[in-house]
Amino acid sequence: MSALVVGPIFKYRNQITLSVILLFAAITRFANLGRPNELIFDEVYYVNGARDFLAYGVESESGEAEFVVHPPLGKWLIGLGIKIFGDIPLGWRFSAALFGLASIILLYFITQALFKSTFLSLIATTLISFDGLHLVMSRTALLDIFLSFFILLTFYFVIRERYWQAGITIGLALATKWSALYILVALVIFLLIYKRTPIKTALQFTLLPALTYLVTWSGWFLSDIGWKRDSGTNSLLSLFNYHREMLDFHTNLETDHSYEASPWNWLILGRPTSFFYATPKGCGEQKCSQEVLALGTPTLWWLGLFAIFATLGYFVYRRELSAGLILLFLFANFLPWIAFPERTTFYFYSIAFEPYLILALIYIMSKALENQEERGVRSKYVLLGVGLNGLTFAYFFPLYVGSVLPYQDWYARMWFPSWI
């Protein structure tokens, strides 16, 4: 190959590598997005809600299956895809795929800001692109990928010390799912200790998120058919009654579900969530299986569990702010669920803290690469681990995208009885 060609390729190899990774991520998230060609798992609630938002600007008391106990923003975003592509599976899931891809790009810039390393930024981008849970959540019309994105964007603004923007984005996260409240509380405590500016912090992380949250309820305020719209003597009292009912639902949700999973099981992949299962024909065998399984790539998650403890050890020993912020966002997304052992919870909730599990891995890699003499050899081990994770991802890929497999091939991927 001519030096005239090799030179520019070598010069722009990082940009080319990033482009290839993002192209792969885009293809895996958008290709055959309409499969399965039906509503799966809880999509029925959120797609019905999105339909109402498009029709009336609010979820109505129509009798259709809807989940009015979550704020409106995520359902508005699902509705955006329906508005663009129509009320078809591609339309239902388009926004989730778009935000999933955006979160991958965002993680690249976060890693660059934290570690000042293009190599590690590319590794982080590759790891999240090759994670099964992130892929499944990016291809499903649920709220959690939007929640994960807005929390990750908040993390980006925090590490850049752009706290006003962080106040807005955490408000958007709250307007998607209330579980973002744990992040908000953790951030307020962190800033009161770290910055010691109580008045400014109060404005940035109480007033600003509250105003942002209320703006997302505009459709409800402008409508006269919204849920609990006339339950009080005025709009604010009606909204208060509505939120009180939402709080009662979330604090008392104890309905048994065959795929519920204790938070203690999440990090070890003890009970992944099956979003869809069917036994169609056409796999070339007598018995076929088709599943969409929300399961993190095992090599990534099990190594990530080790990295969390190692990062915690480094933080205790060195008190590095980067490690502290990674752990803060990880634990604030995880530990509060343990406080409600009777509540029905699912493994896929962990998508909210999955980016920080990856960042914990990157943090440990950065420490391993600090030794200049061993850096070359250790970089090869890092690449070997990334390659192994890619092979594991490829093995489970049919379960992530709902491909039809011979039953024996599907069963071979059920490494533990609890995965069935």
Protein backbone atom coordinates (compact mmCIF):
# COMPACT_ATOMS: atom_id res chain seq x y z
CA MET A 1 0.00 0.00 0.00
CA SER A 2 1.29 3.43 -0.91
CA ALA A 3 2.78 5.58 1.84
CA LEU A 4 0.45 8.33 0.59
CA VAL A 5 -2.45 6.13 1.70
CA VAL A 6 -0.93 4.63 4.84
CA GLY A 7 0.13 7.99 6.23
CA PRO A 8 -3.35 9.56 6.50
CA ILE A 9 -4.84 6.28 7.76
CA PHE A 10 -2.26 6.08 10.54
CA LYS A 11 -2.73 9.77 11.34
CA TYR A 12 -6.49 9.41 11.70
CA ARG A 13 -6.53 5.87 13.08
CA ASN A 14 -8.29 6.89 16.31
CA GLN A 15 -11.05 8.70 14.43
CA ILE A 16 -11.41 5.76 12.06
CA THR A 17 -11.53 3.30 14.97
CA LEU A 18 -14.20 5.35 16.75
CA SER A 19 -16.23 5.59 13.53
CA VAL A 20 -16.08 1.82 13.05
CA ILE A 21 -17.18 1.19 16.65
CA LEU A 22 -20.08 3.64 16.35
CA LEU A 23 -21.10 2.20 12.99
CA PHE A 24 -21.20 -1.26 14.56
CA ALA A 25 -23.23 0.09 17.50
CA ALA A 26 -25.67 1.81 15.15
CA ILE A 27 -26.15 -1.27 12.97
CA THR A 28 -26.75 -3.60 15.91
CA ARG A 29 -29.23 -1.17 17.48
CA PHE A 30 -31.21 -0.17 14.39
CA ALA A 31 -31.05 -3.25 12.13
CA ASN A 32 -34.28 -5.30 12.24
CA LEU A 33 -35.56 -3.01 14.99
CA GLY A 34 -39.09 -4.14 14.19
CA ARG A 35 -38.33 -7.69 15.37
CA PRO A 36 -40.30 -9.02 17.22
CA ASN A 37 -43.19 -7.60 15.23
CA GLU A 38 -45.34 -7.11 18.32
CA LEU A 39 -45.31 -5.36 21.68
CA ILE A 40 -43.04 -7.19 24.12
CA PHE A 41 -42.84 -7.14 27.91
CA ASP A 42 -43.92 -3.72 29.27
CA GLU A 43 -43.86 -2.01 25.87
CA VAL A 44 -47.64 -2.29 25.85
CA TYR A 45 -47.90 0.24 28.70
CA TYR A 46 -45.45 2.79 27.37
CA VAL A 47 -46.47 2.60 23.71
CA ASN A 48 -50.12 3.03 24.69
CA GLY A 49 -49.09 5.99 26.81
CA ALA A 50 -47.12 7.46 23.90
CA ARG A 51 -50.16 7.08 21.65
CA ASP A 52 -52.22 9.06 24.13
CA PHE A 53 -49.60 11.79 24.37
CA LEU A 54 -49.63 12.16 20.59
CA ALA A 55 -53.43 12.21 20.46
CA TYR A 56 -54.31 14.27 23.54
CA GLY A 57 -51.05 15.64 24.97
CA VAL A 58 -51.60 13.54 28.08
CA GLU A 59 -52.39 9.99 29.17
CA SER A 60 -56.14 9.65 29.31
CA GLU A 61 -58.37 7.45 31.44
CA SER A 62 -59.27 5.43 28.35
CA GLY A 63 -59.15 1.96 29.84
CA GLU A 64 -56.17 0.90 27.68
CA ALA A 65 -53.21 -0.76 29.39
CA GLU A 66 -50.98 2.14 30.46
CA PHE A 67 -48.47 2.89 33.19
CA VAL A 68 -49.52 6.30 34.50
CA VAL A 69 -47.33 5.92 37.60
CA HIS A 70 -44.26 7.20 35.74
CA PRO A 71 -43.68 10.82 34.67
CA PRO A 72 -44.31 11.77 31.04
CA LEU A 73 -40.93 12.47 29.39
CA GLY A 74 -39.96 8.93 28.40
CA LYS A 75 -43.38 8.32 26.87
CA TRP A 76 -43.12 11.58 24.94
CA LEU A 77 -39.80 10.38 23.54
CA ILE A 78 -41.30 7.04 22.48
CA GLY A 79 -44.09 9.06 20.87
CA LEU A 80 -41.50 10.99 18.87
CA GLY A 81 -40.46 7.81 17.10
CA ILE A 82 -44.09 6.92 16.42
CA LYS A 83 -44.66 10.42 15.01
CA ILE A 84 -41.74 10.02 12.60
CA PHE A 85 -42.15 6.40 11.46
CA GLY A 86 -45.75 5.61 12.32
CA ASP A 87 -47.41 3.30 14.83
CA ILE A 88 -45.28 0.32 13.89
CA PRO A 89 -42.53 -1.57 15.78
CA LEU A 90 -39.82 0.60 14.21
CA GLY A 91 -41.65 3.71 15.41
CA TRP A 92 -42.12 2.31 18.92
CA ARG A 93 -38.42 1.55 19.38
CA PHE A 94 -36.65 4.18 17.30
CA SER A 95 -36.13 6.70 20.10
CA ALA A 96 -34.74 4.04 22.43
CA ALA A 97 -32.19 3.03 19.77
CA LEU A 98 -31.28 6.67 19.16
CA PHE A 99 -30.73 7.40 22.85
CA GLY A 100 -28.81 4.14 23.25
CA LEU A 101 -26.44 5.20 20.49
CA ALA A 102 -26.17 8.70 21.96
CA SER A 103 -25.19 7.25 25.33
CA ILE A 104 -22.34 5.33 23.69
CA ILE A 105 -21.01 8.54 22.14
CA LEU A 106 -21.44 10.33 25.46
CA LEU A 107 -19.45 7.64 27.29
CA TYR A 108 -16.55 8.25 24.89
CA PHE A 109 -16.39 11.93 25.85
CA ILE A 110 -16.81 11.15 29.55
CA THR A 111 -13.91 8.70 29.48
CA GLN A 112 -11.81 11.22 27.59
CA ALA A 113 -12.59 13.90 30.18
CA LEU A 114 -11.81 11.62 33.13
CA PHE A 115 -8.71 9.81 31.91
CA LYS A 116 -7.31 11.98 29.08
CA SER A 117 -6.70 8.81 27.08
CA THR A 118 -8.04 8.14 23.61
CA PHE A 119 -7.05 4.47 23.97
CA LEU A 120 -9.17 4.03 27.11
CA SER A 121 -12.00 6.08 25.61
CA LEU A 122 -12.13 3.72 22.65
CA ILE A 123 -12.05 0.73 25.02
CA ALA A 124 -15.00 2.13 27.01
CA THR A 125 -16.95 2.78 23.81
CA THR A 126 -16.25 -0.75 22.62
CA LEU A 127 -17.30 -2.33 25.91
CA ILE A 128 -20.67 -0.59 26.06
CA SER A 129 -21.29 -1.28 22.36
CA PHE A 130 -20.66 -4.97 23.04
CA ASP A 131 -22.88 -5.22 26.11
CA GLY A 132 -26.02 -7.29 25.78
CA LEU A 133 -28.12 -5.42 28.32
CA HIS A 134 -27.38 -2.07 26.70
CA LEU A 135 -28.22 -3.50 23.28
CA VAL A 136 -31.54 -4.99 24.42
CA MET A 137 -32.59 -1.82 26.24
CA SER A 138 -31.68 0.19 23.13
CA ARG A 139 -34.03 -1.99 21.07
CA THR A 140 -37.02 -1.96 23.42
CA ALA A 141 -39.62 0.76 24.00
CA LEU A 142 -39.14 1.03 27.76
CA LEU A 143 -38.20 4.08 29.82
CA ASP A 144 -34.90 2.90 31.26
CA ILE A 145 -32.59 3.72 28.35
CA PHE A 146 -33.79 7.34 28.51
CA LEU A 147 -33.26 7.38 32.27
CA SER A 148 -29.76 5.98 31.83
CA PHE A 149 -28.92 8.60 29.19
CA PHE A 150 -30.08 11.60 31.23
CA ILE A 151 -28.23 10.38 34.33
CA LEU A 152 -25.10 9.82 32.22
CA LEU A 153 -25.45 13.33 30.79
CA THR A 154 -25.74 14.63 34.35
CA PHE A 155 -22.52 12.79 35.19
CA TYR A 156 -20.81 14.44 32.22
CA PHE A 157 -21.84 17.91 33.38
CA VAL A 158 -20.76 17.16 36.95
CA ILE A 159 -17.25 16.08 35.97
CA ARG A 160 -17.01 19.21 33.81
CA GLU A 161 -18.29 21.23 36.81
CA ARG A 162 -21.21 22.58 34.79
CA TYR A 163 -23.69 22.26 37.62
CA TRP A 164 -26.48 24.40 36.19
CA GLN A 165 -26.71 22.11 33.17
CA ALA A 166 -26.52 19.12 35.52
CA GLY A 167 -29.52 20.50 37.40
CA ILE A 168 -31.53 20.54 34.18
CA THR A 169 -30.52 17.06 33.07
CA ILE A 170 -31.23 15.47 36.45
CA GLY A 171 -34.65 17.12 36.20
CA LEU A 172 -35.11 15.39 32.84
CA ALA A 173 -34.07 12.10 34.42
CA LEU A 174 -36.65 12.63 37.18
CA ALA A 175 -39.24 13.38 34.50
CA THR A 176 -38.50 9.93 33.06
CA LYS A 177 -38.45 7.80 36.22
CA TRP A 178 -38.44 8.77 39.86
CA SER A 179 -35.49 6.53 40.67
CA ALA A 180 -33.30 9.43 39.50
CA LEU A 181 -34.17 11.03 42.84
CA TYR A 182 -31.46 8.91 44.46
CA ILE A 183 -28.87 10.51 42.18
CA LEU A 184 -30.18 13.96 42.99
CA VAL A 185 -29.88 13.37 46.75
CA ALA A 186 -26.38 11.93 46.35
CA LEU A 187 -25.31 14.92 44.25
CA VAL A 188 -26.63 17.45 46.76
CA ILE A 189 -24.74 15.73 49.59
CA PHE A 190 -21.58 15.54 47.47
CA LEU A 191 -21.68 19.21 46.49
CA LEU A 192 -22.44 20.41 49.99
CA ILE A 193 -19.31 18.59 51.16
CA TYR A 194 -17.11 19.26 48.13
CA LYS A 195 -18.13 22.81 47.16
CA ARG A 196 -19.64 24.08 50.40
CA THR A 197 -21.96 26.49 48.61
CA PRO A 198 -25.38 25.65 50.10
CA ILE A 199 -27.40 28.44 48.49
CA LYS A 200 -26.00 27.86 45.01
CA THR A 201 -26.38 24.10 45.38
CA ALA A 202 -29.98 24.55 46.50
CA LEU A 203 -30.76 26.54 43.36
CA GLN A 204 -28.90 24.18 41.05
CA PHE A 205 -30.23 20.91 42.42
CA THR A 206 -33.62 21.70 43.93
CA LEU A 207 -35.24 24.63 42.17
CA LEU A 208 -33.84 23.95 38.70
CA PRO A 209 -34.68 20.21 38.60
CA ALA A 210 -38.15 20.97 40.01
CA LEU A 211 -38.86 23.56 37.31
CA THR A 212 -37.54 21.24 34.60
CA TYR A 213 -39.69 18.42 35.95
CA LEU A 214 -42.84 20.59 36.00
CA VAL A 215 -42.30 21.76 32.42
CA THR A 216 -42.53 18.15 31.22
CA TRP A 217 -46.03 18.03 32.71
CA SER A 218 -47.24 20.86 30.46
CA GLY A 219 -49.52 18.53 28.52
CA TRP A 220 -51.23 17.49 31.73
CA PHE A 221 -51.72 21.10 32.85
CA LEU A 222 -53.12 22.12 29.45
CA SER A 223 -55.50 19.15 29.27
CA ASP A 224 -58.76 18.51 31.04
CA ILE A 225 -58.76 14.72 30.51
CA GLY A 226 -55.48 13.73 32.18
CA TRP A 227 -55.23 11.16 34.93
CA LYS A 228 -56.53 12.61 38.24
CA ARG A 229 -56.95 15.95 36.45
CA ASP A 230 -59.98 16.94 38.51
CA SER A 231 -59.09 15.26 41.80
CA GLY A 232 -58.40 18.58 43.55
CA THR A 233 -59.82 22.07 43.71
CA ASN A 234 -57.02 23.38 41.46
CA SER A 235 -54.37 22.08 39.07
CA LEU A 236 -51.52 21.95 41.58
CA LEU A 237 -53.62 20.12 44.16
CA SER A 238 -54.75 17.66 41.50
CA LEU A 239 -51.13 17.09 40.51
CA PHE A 240 -50.25 16.58 44.17
CA ASN A 241 -53.01 13.95 44.48
CA TYR A 242 -51.75 12.27 41.32
CA HIS A 243 -48.19 12.14 42.67
CA ARG A 244 -49.36 10.83 46.01
CA GLU A 245 -51.03 7.96 44.17
CA MET A 246 -47.82 7.36 42.17
CA LEU A 247 -45.80 7.26 45.39
CA ASP A 248 -48.22 4.81 46.96
CA PHE A 249 -47.88 2.52 43.93
CA HIS A 250 -44.08 2.53 43.94
CA THR A 251 -43.72 1.98 47.68
CA ASN A 252 -46.22 -0.89 47.76
CA LEU A 253 -45.40 -2.76 44.56
CA GLU A 254 -45.05 -6.35 45.73
CA THR A 255 -46.67 -8.27 42.88
CA ASP A 256 -44.96 -11.59 42.16
CA HIS A 257 -43.40 -11.89 38.71
CA SER A 258 -41.63 -14.88 37.22
CA TYR A 259 -38.64 -12.74 36.22
CA GLU A 260 -38.31 -10.53 39.27
CA ALA A 261 -34.75 -10.32 40.56
CA SER A 262 -33.35 -9.15 43.86
CA PRO A 263 -30.80 -6.30 43.48
CA TRP A 264 -28.23 -8.60 45.07
CA ASN A 265 -28.51 -10.78 41.95
CA TRP A 266 -28.04 -8.01 39.41
CA LEU A 267 -24.25 -7.76 39.38
CA ILE A 268 -23.78 -11.52 39.11
CA LEU A 269 -26.48 -11.86 36.41
CA GLY A 270 -28.48 -14.09 38.69
CA ARG A 271 -31.85 -13.60 37.01
CA PRO A 272 -31.91 -11.82 33.63
CA THR A 273 -35.26 -10.62 32.30
CA SER A 274 -36.90 -12.39 29.39
CA PHE A 275 -38.77 -9.77 27.35
CA PHE A 276 -40.05 -12.20 24.73
CA TYR A 277 -40.10 -15.92 24.05
CA ALA A 278 -41.71 -17.89 21.23
CA THR A 279 -41.34 -21.28 19.54
CA PRO A 280 -41.67 -20.53 15.82
CA LYS A 281 -40.79 -22.72 12.85
CA GLY A 282 -38.06 -22.16 10.33
CA CYS A 283 -34.78 -22.89 12.11
CA GLY A 284 -34.12 -26.14 10.25
CA GLU A 285 -34.86 -28.26 13.31
CA GLN A 286 -38.01 -29.82 14.75
CA LYS A 287 -38.05 -27.45 17.74
CA CYS A 288 -37.06 -23.79 17.59
CA SER A 289 -36.72 -20.99 20.13
CA GLN A 290 -36.84 -17.23 19.77
CA GLU A 291 -36.06 -14.99 22.74
CA VAL A 292 -35.22 -11.41 23.63
CA LEU A 293 -33.25 -11.71 26.86
CA ALA A 294 -32.09 -8.68 28.83
CA LEU A 295 -28.73 -10.12 29.87
CA GLY A 296 -25.47 -8.25 30.21
CA THR A 297 -22.48 -9.75 28.44
CA PRO A 298 -21.21 -12.09 31.18
CA THR A 299 -17.48 -11.38 30.77
CA LEU A 300 -18.08 -7.64 31.05
CA TRP A 301 -20.32 -7.81 34.10
CA TRP A 302 -18.30 -10.34 36.06
CA LEU A 303 -15.05 -8.47 35.44
CA GLY A 304 -16.94 -5.28 36.23
CA LEU A 305 -17.92 -6.66 39.63
CA PHE A 306 -14.24 -7.17 40.43
CA ALA A 307 -13.48 -3.67 39.14
CA ILE A 308 -16.07 -2.11 41.46
CA PHE A 309 -14.37 -3.55 44.53
CA ALA A 310 -10.93 -2.63 43.19
CA THR A 311 -12.06 0.94 42.49
CA LEU A 312 -13.51 1.16 45.98
CA GLY A 313 -10.16 0.03 47.37
CA TYR A 314 -8.29 2.64 45.35
CA PHE A 315 -10.71 5.34 46.49
CA VAL A 316 -10.27 4.43 50.15
CA TYR A 317 -6.49 4.43 49.71
CA ARG A 318 -5.99 7.40 47.36
CA ARG A 319 -9.18 9.50 47.69
CA GLU A 320 -9.20 10.28 43.96
CA LEU A 321 -12.17 12.37 42.91
CA SER A 322 -12.66 10.47 39.64
CA ALA A 323 -13.01 7.16 41.50
CA GLY A 324 -15.33 8.79 44.03
CA LEU A 325 -17.67 10.16 41.36
CA ILE A 326 -17.80 6.84 39.51
CA LEU A 327 -18.69 5.04 42.74
CA LEU A 328 -21.17 7.76 43.75
CA PHE A 329 -23.21 7.39 40.57
CA LEU A 330 -22.91 3.61 40.59
CA PHE A 331 -24.00 3.10 44.18
CA ALA A 332 -26.69 5.81 44.06
CA ASN A 333 -28.26 3.91 41.17
CA PHE A 334 -27.94 0.55 42.92
CA LEU A 335 -27.94 0.61 46.72
CA PRO A 336 -31.33 2.32 47.28
CA TRP A 337 -33.09 -0.65 45.69
CA ILE A 338 -31.72 -2.86 48.46
CA ALA A 339 -33.66 -0.78 50.99
CA PHE A 340 -36.92 -2.15 49.55
CA PRO A 341 -36.45 -5.94 49.65
CA GLU A 342 -40.17 -6.66 49.31
CA ARG A 343 -40.60 -4.50 46.21
CA THR A 344 -40.81 -6.21 42.82
CA THR A 345 -37.59 -5.39 40.98
CA PHE A 346 -35.98 -6.53 37.73
CA TYR A 347 -32.42 -6.96 36.53
CA PHE A 348 -32.87 -4.56 33.62
CA TYR A 349 -33.10 -1.67 36.11
CA SER A 350 -29.33 -1.99 36.30
CA ILE A 351 -28.97 -0.28 32.91
CA ALA A 352 -28.95 2.95 34.95
CA PHE A 353 -25.61 2.08 36.57
CA GLU A 354 -24.06 -0.04 33.83
CA PRO A 355 -21.99 2.87 32.39
CA TYR A 356 -20.31 3.33 35.78
CA LEU A 357 -19.50 -0.36 36.00
CA ILE A 358 -17.67 0.12 32.69
CA LEU A 359 -15.99 3.28 34.00
CA ALA A 360 -14.84 1.31 37.06
CA LEU A 361 -13.21 -1.18 34.69
CA ILE A 362 -11.60 1.67 32.77
CA TYR A 363 -10.36 3.18 36.03
CA ILE A 364 -8.62 -0.07 36.96
CA MET A 365 -7.17 -0.33 33.45
CA SER A 366 -5.80 3.20 33.79
CA LYS A 367 -4.02 2.19 36.99
CA ALA A 368 -2.60 -0.90 35.33
CA LEU A 369 -1.25 1.25 32.48
CA GLU A 370 0.44 3.80 34.74
CA ASN A 371 3.63 1.72 34.74
CA GLN A 372 5.41 2.94 31.60
CA GLU A 373 7.73 -0.08 31.43
CA GLU A 374 4.85 -2.56 31.46
CA ARG A 375 2.39 -0.43 29.51
CA GLY A 376 2.89 -2.13 26.15
CA VAL A 377 2.39 -5.64 27.51
CA ARG A 378 -0.54 -4.64 29.71
CA SER A 379 -2.23 -2.85 26.81
CA LYS A 380 -2.17 -6.15 24.93
CA TYR A 381 -3.85 -7.87 27.89
CA VAL A 382 -6.51 -5.14 27.87
CA LEU A 383 -7.13 -5.72 24.16
CA LEU A 384 -7.23 -9.47 24.76
CA GLY A 385 -9.94 -8.96 27.40
CA VAL A 386 -11.91 -6.71 25.07
CA GLY A 387 -11.65 -9.35 22.36
CA LEU A 388 -12.86 -12.06 24.73
CA ASN A 389 -15.82 -9.88 25.65
CA GLY A 390 -16.56 -9.41 21.96
CA LEU A 391 -16.62 -13.17 21.41
CA THR A 392 -18.95 -13.64 24.39
CA PHE A 393 -21.22 -10.92 23.04
CA ALA A 394 -21.29 -12.60 19.62
CA TYR A 395 -22.23 -15.92 21.21
CA PHE A 396 -25.23 -14.43 23.00
CA PHE A 397 -26.14 -12.01 20.20
CA PRO A 398 -29.08 -14.11 18.89
CA LEU A 399 -30.74 -13.80 22.32
CA TYR A 400 -30.31 -10.03 22.31
CA VAL A 401 -32.01 -9.41 18.96
CA GLY A 402 -34.66 -12.14 18.92
CA SER A 403 -33.12 -14.44 16.30
CA VAL A 404 -34.69 -17.85 15.76
CA LEU A 405 -32.43 -20.68 16.97
CA PRO A 406 -32.68 -24.45 17.17
CA TYR A 407 -33.84 -25.28 20.67
CA GLN A 408 -30.57 -27.03 21.48
CA ASP A 409 -28.57 -23.92 20.55
CA TRP A 410 -30.86 -21.73 22.63
CA TYR A 411 -30.59 -24.09 25.61
CA ALA A 412 -26.78 -24.17 25.34
CA ARG A 413 -26.82 -20.43 26.06
CA MET A 414 -28.79 -20.91 29.26
CA TRP A 415 -25.68 -21.24 31.40
CA PHE A 416 -27.66 -21.35 34.64
CA PRO A 417 -31.17 -22.65 35.41
CA SER A 418 -32.12 -19.17 36.67
CA TRP A 419 -31.61 -17.78 33.16
CA ILE A 420 -34.56 -19.80 31.84
